[in-house]
Every structure is written in C-alpha cells, then in structure tokens.
C-alpha cells in the first residue's frame, strides 16, 4: 500500500462514525459486565477475620488494574464504561434496590448491582476507568 492509498481520516487518528458507535456500544457492555464483576469480587466469601478479606482486596485490585488498562488503551470504551458503571450505582440508589448478603446471592445480577452500589467498589472502579481514559485523552491532545 502506498501513501496515496491511505485514507486521510486514518492519518489524523480519527475514527469513522460506525467505529466510534461500535466502541461506545462495547463500552456500555464493558460497563455493565465490569459493574457485575466488581460486585462479585467485592462479595467473595473466604474464611478469615471479620472485615475486608485479603482475597477480596486481591480480586478488587485485579479488576481495578484491568479497568485502568481498558480506560488507558481504549479511551472511548473507558469513558462510556466508566459512565455506565457510575450510572448503575446512581440507578441503584435512586431506585433504592435492596440486596442480600446470602452466599449464593452474587449470582443474581440485580442483587449484585444493589450490593455493589452499597459497597462503593463499582463507584471506585468506574471512576478510575473514566479518569484514566480522560487523562490519556488529555495527554494525547495536549489540552
């Protein structure tokens, strides 16, 4: 391929509209799945002393690292996913969703969203994803 065959939009680094919409839809899916995974990681039942268990902290650290990588690598996906995660927490609070801490309750997605909103973990992960995407966008554009 010669330089004259390259599309001008690809030279400037801008995405076409269908690609941006596809990334936004992917971001929404990542946000919903990320919120669920964060709630499940935050509710892991492991033996030990009362309080936050080391296994819970380890799983949340892995989820947070993945969120930052996603937000940094794919900016549109990270921005949309972070907004979706924060919107799910806001929805759970506004709708006053009830949750259960029973051992098998994590398998119910509505319970996981409500538990996640009460725990605060999805808020932190969503904010981290959104912030990393916005910071990467800022460093790339020079604003």
N, C-alpha and C. Protein backbone atom coordinates (compact mmCIF):
# COMPACT_ATOMS: atom_id res chain seq x y z
N UNK A 1 0.85 -1.16 0.00
CA UNK A 1 0.00 0.00 0.00
C UNK A 1 0.90 1.23 0.00
N UNK A 2 0.58 2.15 -0.87
CA UNK A 2 1.35 3.39 -0.94
C UNK A 2 0.71 4.45 -0.06
N UNK A 3 1.43 5.52 0.11
CA UNK A 3 0.93 6.60 0.96
C UNK A 3 -0.33 7.23 0.39
N UNK A 4 -0.49 7.20 -0.93
CA UNK A 4 -1.68 7.81 -1.53
C UNK A 4 -2.93 6.96 -1.32
N UNK A 5 -2.76 5.67 -0.98
CA UNK A 5 -3.91 4.80 -0.77
C UNK A 5 -4.45 4.86 0.65
N UNK A 6 -3.75 5.52 1.55
CA UNK A 6 -4.19 5.61 2.94
C UNK A 6 -5.29 6.65 3.04
N UNK A 7 -6.34 6.29 3.74
CA UNK A 7 -7.47 7.21 3.93
C UNK A 7 -7.04 8.37 4.81
N UNK A 8 -7.40 9.61 4.47
CA UNK A 8 -6.98 10.76 5.28
C UNK A 8 -7.45 10.70 6.73
N UNK A 9 -8.61 10.10 6.99
CA UNK A 9 -9.10 10.01 8.38
C UNK A 9 -8.21 9.12 9.22
N UNK A 10 -7.63 8.08 8.60
CA UNK A 10 -6.76 7.20 9.37
C UNK A 10 -5.42 7.86 9.67
N UNK A 11 -5.00 8.82 8.83
CA UNK A 11 -3.76 9.53 9.09
C UNK A 11 -3.88 10.45 10.29
N UNK A 12 -5.04 11.06 10.46
CA UNK A 12 -5.22 12.00 11.56
C UNK A 12 -5.53 11.30 12.88
N UNK A 13 -5.79 10.00 12.84
CA UNK A 13 -6.08 9.26 14.06
C UNK A 13 -7.56 9.32 14.44
N UNK A 14 -8.39 9.89 13.61
CA UNK A 14 -9.82 9.98 13.92
C UNK A 14 -10.54 8.73 13.44
N UNK A 15 -11.56 8.34 14.20
CA UNK A 15 -12.33 7.16 13.85
C UNK A 15 -13.55 7.56 13.02
N UNK A 16 -14.00 6.62 12.22
CA UNK A 16 -15.24 6.87 11.49
C UNK A 16 -16.41 6.73 12.44
N UNK A 17 -17.56 7.23 12.05
CA UNK A 17 -18.73 7.20 12.92
C UNK A 17 -19.14 5.77 13.30
N UNK A 18 -19.21 4.81 12.36
CA UNK A 18 -19.58 3.45 12.77
C UNK A 18 -18.59 2.83 13.76
N UNK A 19 -17.31 3.14 13.60
CA UNK A 19 -16.32 2.59 14.54
C UNK A 19 -16.50 3.20 15.92
N UNK A 20 -16.77 4.49 15.99
CA UNK A 20 -16.98 5.15 17.28
C UNK A 20 -18.24 4.64 17.96
N UNK A 21 -19.30 4.42 17.19
CA UNK A 21 -20.54 3.88 17.76
C UNK A 21 -20.31 2.46 18.26
N UNK A 22 -19.56 1.67 17.49
CA UNK A 22 -19.24 0.31 17.92
C UNK A 22 -18.45 0.30 19.22
N UNK A 23 -17.49 1.23 19.34
CA UNK A 23 -16.71 1.31 20.58
C UNK A 23 -17.58 1.78 21.74
N UNK A 24 -18.54 2.67 21.47
CA UNK A 24 -19.44 3.12 22.53
C UNK A 24 -20.33 1.98 23.01
N UNK A 25 -20.82 1.17 22.09
CA UNK A 25 -21.64 0.00 22.48
C UNK A 25 -20.78 -0.99 23.26
N UNK A 26 -19.55 -1.20 22.81
CA UNK A 26 -18.64 -2.07 23.55
C UNK A 26 -18.37 -1.50 24.95
N UNK A 27 -18.24 -0.19 25.05
CA UNK A 27 -18.05 0.45 26.34
C UNK A 27 -19.23 0.24 27.28
N UNK A 28 -20.44 0.30 26.74
CA UNK A 28 -21.63 0.05 27.56
C UNK A 28 -21.62 -1.38 28.07
N UNK A 29 -21.27 -2.33 27.22
CA UNK A 29 -21.20 -3.73 27.65
C UNK A 29 -20.11 -3.93 28.69
N UNK A 30 -18.96 -3.30 28.48
CA UNK A 30 -17.87 -3.41 29.45
C UNK A 30 -18.29 -2.79 30.78
N UNK A 31 -19.04 -1.71 30.74
CA UNK A 31 -19.51 -1.07 31.98
C UNK A 31 -20.45 -1.96 32.77
N UNK A 32 -21.39 -2.61 32.08
CA UNK A 32 -22.34 -3.49 32.76
C UNK A 32 -21.62 -4.71 33.32
N UNK A 33 -20.79 -5.34 32.49
CA UNK A 33 -20.05 -6.52 32.95
C UNK A 33 -19.05 -6.14 34.05
N UNK A 34 -18.40 -4.99 33.89
CA UNK A 34 -17.46 -4.54 34.90
C UNK A 34 -18.11 -4.27 36.24
N UNK A 35 -19.31 -3.72 36.21
CA UNK A 35 -20.04 -3.47 37.45
C UNK A 35 -20.38 -4.80 38.14
N UNK A 36 -20.81 -5.77 37.35
CA UNK A 36 -21.14 -7.08 37.91
C UNK A 36 -19.90 -7.78 38.47
N UNK A 37 -18.81 -7.76 37.70
CA UNK A 37 -17.57 -8.41 38.15
C UNK A 37 -17.04 -7.74 39.41
N UNK A 38 -17.14 -6.42 39.48
CA UNK A 38 -16.69 -5.71 40.67
C UNK A 38 -17.53 -6.07 41.88
N UNK A 39 -18.84 -6.17 41.71
CA UNK A 39 -19.70 -6.55 42.82
C UNK A 39 -19.42 -7.98 43.27
N UNK A 40 -19.19 -8.88 42.32
CA UNK A 40 -18.87 -10.26 42.68
C UNK A 40 -17.52 -10.32 43.39
N UNK A 41 -16.53 -9.59 42.89
CA UNK A 41 -15.21 -9.59 43.53
C UNK A 41 -15.30 -9.01 44.94
N UNK A 42 -16.17 -8.04 45.13
CA UNK A 42 -16.33 -7.44 46.45
C UNK A 42 -17.10 -8.28 47.44
N UNK A 43 -17.80 -9.30 46.95
CA UNK A 43 -18.61 -10.13 47.85
C UNK A 43 -18.07 -11.54 47.99
N UNK A 44 -16.83 -11.76 47.65
CA UNK A 44 -16.23 -13.10 47.76
C UNK A 44 -16.24 -13.55 49.21
N UNK A 45 -16.73 -14.74 49.43
CA UNK A 45 -16.77 -15.33 50.77
C UNK A 45 -15.51 -16.16 50.96
N UNK A 46 -14.69 -15.75 51.88
CA UNK A 46 -13.49 -16.53 52.20
C UNK A 46 -13.31 -16.54 53.71
N UNK A 47 -12.70 -17.61 54.21
CA UNK A 47 -12.53 -17.68 55.66
C UNK A 47 -11.53 -16.64 56.15
N UNK A 48 -11.69 -16.28 57.38
CA UNK A 48 -10.77 -15.31 57.96
C UNK A 48 -11.47 -14.41 58.95
N UNK A 49 -10.76 -13.41 59.36
CA UNK A 49 -11.30 -12.48 60.34
C UNK A 49 -12.39 -11.62 59.71
N UNK A 50 -13.24 -11.01 60.56
CA UNK A 50 -14.27 -10.14 60.01
C UNK A 50 -13.64 -8.90 59.37
N UNK A 51 -14.37 -8.31 58.48
CA UNK A 51 -13.85 -7.15 57.76
C UNK A 51 -13.57 -7.52 56.32
N UNK A 52 -12.80 -6.70 55.66
CA UNK A 52 -12.47 -6.96 54.26
C UNK A 52 -11.37 -8.02 54.20
N UNK A 53 -11.66 -9.07 53.48
CA UNK A 53 -10.75 -10.21 53.39
C UNK A 53 -9.63 -9.93 52.39
N UNK A 54 -8.45 -10.54 52.58
CA UNK A 54 -7.35 -10.35 51.62
C UNK A 54 -7.69 -10.80 50.20
N UNK A 55 -8.47 -11.88 50.07
CA UNK A 55 -8.85 -12.35 48.74
C UNK A 55 -9.73 -11.31 48.04
N UNK A 56 -10.61 -10.67 48.79
CA UNK A 56 -11.46 -9.62 48.22
C UNK A 56 -10.60 -8.46 47.73
N UNK A 57 -9.63 -8.06 48.52
CA UNK A 57 -8.75 -6.96 48.12
C UNK A 57 -7.94 -7.32 46.89
N UNK A 58 -7.46 -8.55 46.82
CA UNK A 58 -6.69 -9.00 45.67
C UNK A 58 -7.54 -8.98 44.40
N UNK A 59 -8.75 -9.52 44.48
CA UNK A 59 -9.63 -9.53 43.31
C UNK A 59 -10.01 -8.11 42.88
N UNK A 60 -10.27 -7.24 43.84
CA UNK A 60 -10.60 -5.86 43.50
C UNK A 60 -9.41 -5.14 42.88
N UNK A 61 -8.21 -5.46 43.33
CA UNK A 61 -7.01 -4.86 42.73
C UNK A 61 -6.84 -5.31 41.28
N UNK A 62 -7.13 -6.57 41.01
CA UNK A 62 -7.04 -7.08 39.63
C UNK A 62 -8.09 -6.39 38.76
N UNK A 63 -9.31 -6.26 39.26
CA UNK A 63 -10.37 -5.60 38.49
C UNK A 63 -10.01 -4.12 38.26
N UNK A 64 -9.47 -3.46 39.28
CA UNK A 64 -9.09 -2.06 39.13
C UNK A 64 -7.97 -1.89 38.11
N UNK A 65 -6.99 -2.79 38.15
CA UNK A 65 -5.89 -2.72 37.17
C UNK A 65 -6.42 -2.92 35.75
N UNK A 66 -7.33 -3.87 35.58
CA UNK A 66 -7.93 -4.10 34.26
C UNK A 66 -8.73 -2.87 33.81
N UNK A 67 -9.42 -2.23 34.74
CA UNK A 67 -10.20 -1.03 34.40
C UNK A 67 -9.30 0.10 33.94
N UNK A 68 -8.18 0.28 34.61
CA UNK A 68 -7.25 1.35 34.22
C UNK A 68 -6.62 1.04 32.86
N UNK A 69 -6.27 -0.21 32.63
CA UNK A 69 -5.70 -0.59 31.33
C UNK A 69 -6.71 -0.37 30.21
N UNK A 70 -7.95 -0.77 30.44
CA UNK A 70 -9.00 -0.58 29.43
C UNK A 70 -9.21 0.91 29.17
N UNK A 71 -9.31 1.69 30.24
CA UNK A 71 -9.51 3.12 30.09
C UNK A 71 -8.35 3.81 29.39
N UNK A 72 -7.14 3.36 29.63
CA UNK A 72 -5.96 3.98 29.03
C UNK A 72 -5.79 3.55 27.57
N UNK A 73 -6.04 2.27 27.30
CA UNK A 73 -5.81 1.75 25.95
C UNK A 73 -6.93 2.11 24.98
N UNK A 74 -8.17 1.98 25.41
CA UNK A 74 -9.32 2.27 24.57
C UNK A 74 -10.12 3.39 25.22
N UNK A 75 -9.83 4.62 24.83
CA UNK A 75 -10.41 5.78 25.51
C UNK A 75 -11.93 5.82 25.44
N UNK A 76 -12.49 5.61 24.27
CA UNK A 76 -13.95 5.69 24.13
C UNK A 76 -14.62 4.61 24.97
N UNK A 77 -14.08 3.41 24.92
CA UNK A 77 -14.62 2.31 25.71
C UNK A 77 -14.53 2.65 27.20
N UNK A 78 -13.40 3.17 27.64
CA UNK A 78 -13.20 3.52 29.04
C UNK A 78 -14.13 4.62 29.52
N UNK A 79 -14.32 5.65 28.69
CA UNK A 79 -15.21 6.74 29.08
C UNK A 79 -16.64 6.25 29.21
N UNK A 80 -17.12 5.52 28.20
CA UNK A 80 -18.50 5.03 28.23
C UNK A 80 -18.69 4.02 29.35
N UNK A 81 -17.74 3.10 29.53
CA UNK A 81 -17.86 2.08 30.58
C UNK A 81 -17.86 2.73 31.97
N UNK A 82 -16.99 3.71 32.18
CA UNK A 82 -16.98 4.40 33.47
C UNK A 82 -18.28 5.11 33.76
N UNK A 83 -18.83 5.77 32.74
CA UNK A 83 -20.12 6.45 32.91
C UNK A 83 -21.23 5.45 33.18
N UNK A 84 -21.22 4.31 32.48
CA UNK A 84 -22.25 3.29 32.71
C UNK A 84 -22.16 2.73 34.13
N UNK A 85 -20.93 2.48 34.60
CA UNK A 85 -20.78 1.94 35.96
C UNK A 85 -21.30 2.95 36.99
N UNK A 86 -20.97 4.21 36.82
CA UNK A 86 -21.45 5.23 37.75
C UNK A 86 -22.97 5.41 37.63
N UNK A 87 -23.51 5.28 36.42
CA UNK A 87 -24.96 5.39 36.22
C UNK A 87 -25.69 4.22 36.89
N UNK A 88 -25.10 3.02 36.83
CA UNK A 88 -25.74 1.88 37.50
C UNK A 88 -25.78 2.08 39.02
N UNK A 89 -24.73 2.64 39.58
CA UNK A 89 -24.72 2.93 41.01
C UNK A 89 -25.78 3.98 41.34
N UNK A 90 -25.86 5.02 40.51
CA UNK A 90 -26.87 6.06 40.73
C UNK A 90 -28.28 5.47 40.62
N UNK A 91 -28.48 4.59 39.63
CA UNK A 91 -29.79 3.94 39.47
C UNK A 91 -30.14 3.12 40.70
N UNK A 92 -29.17 2.39 41.23
CA UNK A 92 -29.44 1.55 42.41
C UNK A 92 -29.82 2.41 43.62
N UNK A 93 -29.18 3.55 43.76
CA UNK A 93 -29.52 4.44 44.89
C UNK A 93 -30.86 5.13 44.68
N UNK A 94 -31.10 5.61 43.48
CA UNK A 94 -32.36 6.31 43.20
C UNK A 94 -33.54 5.36 43.32
N UNK A 95 -33.37 4.15 42.81
CA UNK A 95 -34.45 3.16 42.84
C UNK A 95 -34.51 2.42 44.17
N UNK A 96 -33.55 2.66 45.05
CA UNK A 96 -33.47 2.03 46.37
C UNK A 96 -33.56 0.51 46.27
N UNK A 97 -32.68 -0.06 45.47
CA UNK A 97 -32.65 -1.51 45.31
C UNK A 97 -32.19 -2.17 46.61
N UNK A 98 -32.86 -3.22 46.99
CA UNK A 98 -32.48 -3.98 48.18
C UNK A 98 -31.51 -5.08 47.76
N UNK A 99 -30.63 -5.49 48.68
CA UNK A 99 -29.67 -6.53 48.37
C UNK A 99 -29.58 -7.50 49.53
N UNK A 100 -29.06 -8.67 49.21
CA UNK A 100 -28.91 -9.72 50.19
C UNK A 100 -27.45 -10.14 50.23
N UNK A 101 -26.96 -10.49 51.41
CA UNK A 101 -25.58 -10.96 51.52
C UNK A 101 -25.51 -12.48 51.66
N UNK A 102 -26.56 -13.17 51.26
CA UNK A 102 -26.57 -14.63 51.32
C UNK A 102 -25.46 -15.19 50.42
N UNK A 103 -24.93 -16.39 50.73
CA UNK A 103 -23.81 -16.94 49.96
C UNK A 103 -24.04 -17.05 48.46
N UNK A 104 -25.21 -17.38 48.00
CA UNK A 104 -25.47 -17.53 46.57
C UNK A 104 -26.08 -16.32 45.93
N UNK A 105 -26.19 -15.22 46.65
CA UNK A 105 -26.88 -14.03 46.13
C UNK A 105 -26.10 -13.33 45.03
N UNK A 106 -24.79 -13.58 44.93
CA UNK A 106 -23.98 -12.91 43.91
C UNK A 106 -24.39 -13.32 42.50
N UNK A 107 -25.04 -14.48 42.35
CA UNK A 107 -25.41 -14.95 41.02
C UNK A 107 -26.61 -14.21 40.45
N UNK A 108 -27.32 -13.44 41.27
CA UNK A 108 -28.45 -12.65 40.81
C UNK A 108 -27.93 -11.27 40.39
N UNK A 109 -28.00 -10.91 39.10
CA UNK A 109 -27.43 -9.63 38.66
C UNK A 109 -28.05 -8.41 39.35
N UNK A 110 -29.36 -8.41 39.59
CA UNK A 110 -29.98 -7.27 40.27
C UNK A 110 -29.44 -7.13 41.69
N UNK A 111 -29.24 -8.25 42.37
CA UNK A 111 -28.66 -8.21 43.70
C UNK A 111 -27.21 -7.74 43.65
N UNK A 112 -26.47 -8.17 42.62
CA UNK A 112 -25.07 -7.76 42.51
C UNK A 112 -24.95 -6.26 42.28
N UNK A 113 -25.84 -5.69 41.48
CA UNK A 113 -25.81 -4.24 41.24
C UNK A 113 -26.13 -3.50 42.53
N UNK A 114 -27.14 -3.96 43.25
CA UNK A 114 -27.51 -3.31 44.52
C UNK A 114 -26.41 -3.45 45.56
N UNK A 115 -25.83 -4.65 45.68
CA UNK A 115 -24.75 -4.84 46.64
C UNK A 115 -23.53 -3.99 46.25
N UNK A 116 -23.23 -3.97 44.97
CA UNK A 116 -22.11 -3.16 44.52
C UNK A 116 -22.30 -1.69 44.83
N UNK A 117 -23.52 -1.19 44.64
CA UNK A 117 -23.80 0.22 44.94
C UNK A 117 -23.64 0.49 46.43
N UNK A 118 -24.06 -0.47 47.26
CA UNK A 118 -23.94 -0.29 48.70
C UNK A 118 -22.48 -0.39 49.16
N UNK A 119 -21.68 -1.20 48.47
CA UNK A 119 -20.29 -1.38 48.89
C UNK A 119 -19.40 -0.23 48.44
N UNK A 120 -19.74 0.41 47.36
CA UNK A 120 -18.93 1.51 46.85
C UNK A 120 -17.83 1.08 45.89
N UNK A 121 -17.58 -0.21 45.75
CA UNK A 121 -16.50 -0.67 44.88
C UNK A 121 -16.73 -0.30 43.41
N UNK A 122 -17.94 -0.51 42.85
CA UNK A 122 -18.13 -0.11 41.44
C UNK A 122 -17.95 1.38 41.21
N UNK A 123 -18.25 2.18 42.22
CA UNK A 123 -18.03 3.62 42.08
C UNK A 123 -16.55 3.92 41.92
N UNK A 124 -15.73 3.28 42.75
CA UNK A 124 -14.28 3.50 42.66
C UNK A 124 -13.71 2.98 41.34
N UNK A 125 -14.14 1.81 40.93
CA UNK A 125 -13.61 1.22 39.69
C UNK A 125 -14.08 2.03 38.49
N UNK A 126 -15.36 2.41 38.45
CA UNK A 126 -15.87 3.23 37.35
C UNK A 126 -15.18 4.58 37.28
N UNK A 127 -14.96 5.20 38.43
CA UNK A 127 -14.26 6.49 38.44
C UNK A 127 -12.81 6.33 38.00
N UNK A 128 -12.16 5.24 38.38
CA UNK A 128 -10.79 5.00 37.95
C UNK A 128 -10.71 4.79 36.44
N UNK A 129 -11.67 4.05 35.88
CA UNK A 129 -11.68 3.81 34.44
C UNK A 129 -11.92 5.11 33.69
N UNK A 130 -12.90 5.88 34.14
CA UNK A 130 -13.22 7.14 33.50
C UNK A 130 -12.05 8.12 33.59
N UNK A 131 -11.43 8.20 34.75
CA UNK A 131 -10.32 9.12 34.94
C UNK A 131 -9.11 8.74 34.10
N UNK A 132 -8.79 7.45 34.03
CA UNK A 132 -7.64 7.04 33.22
C UNK A 132 -7.88 7.33 31.74
N UNK A 133 -9.11 7.13 31.27
CA UNK A 133 -9.42 7.42 29.86
C UNK A 133 -9.33 8.92 29.59
N UNK A 134 -9.85 9.72 30.51
CA UNK A 134 -9.80 11.17 30.30
C UNK A 134 -8.37 11.71 30.41
N UNK A 135 -7.57 11.16 31.32
CA UNK A 135 -6.18 11.59 31.43
C UNK A 135 -5.39 11.22 30.19
N UNK A 136 -5.64 10.02 29.67
CA UNK A 136 -4.94 9.63 28.45
C UNK A 136 -5.37 10.50 27.29
N UNK A 137 -6.63 10.84 27.22
CA UNK A 137 -7.13 11.73 26.17
C UNK A 137 -6.45 13.10 26.29
N UNK A 138 -6.30 13.57 27.52
CA UNK A 138 -5.68 14.88 27.74
C UNK A 138 -4.20 14.88 27.33
N UNK A 139 -3.49 13.81 27.66
CA UNK A 139 -2.07 13.77 27.30
C UNK A 139 -1.88 13.60 25.79
N UNK A 140 -2.84 12.97 25.12
CA UNK A 140 -2.73 12.77 23.68
C UNK A 140 -3.06 14.03 22.90
N UNK A 141 -4.02 14.83 23.40
CA UNK A 141 -4.43 16.02 22.67
C UNK A 141 -3.64 17.25 23.09
N UNK A 142 -2.97 17.19 24.24
CA UNK A 142 -2.17 18.31 24.69
C UNK A 142 -2.97 19.45 25.29
N UNK A 143 -4.21 19.18 25.69
CA UNK A 143 -5.06 20.23 26.30
C UNK A 143 -4.58 20.59 27.68
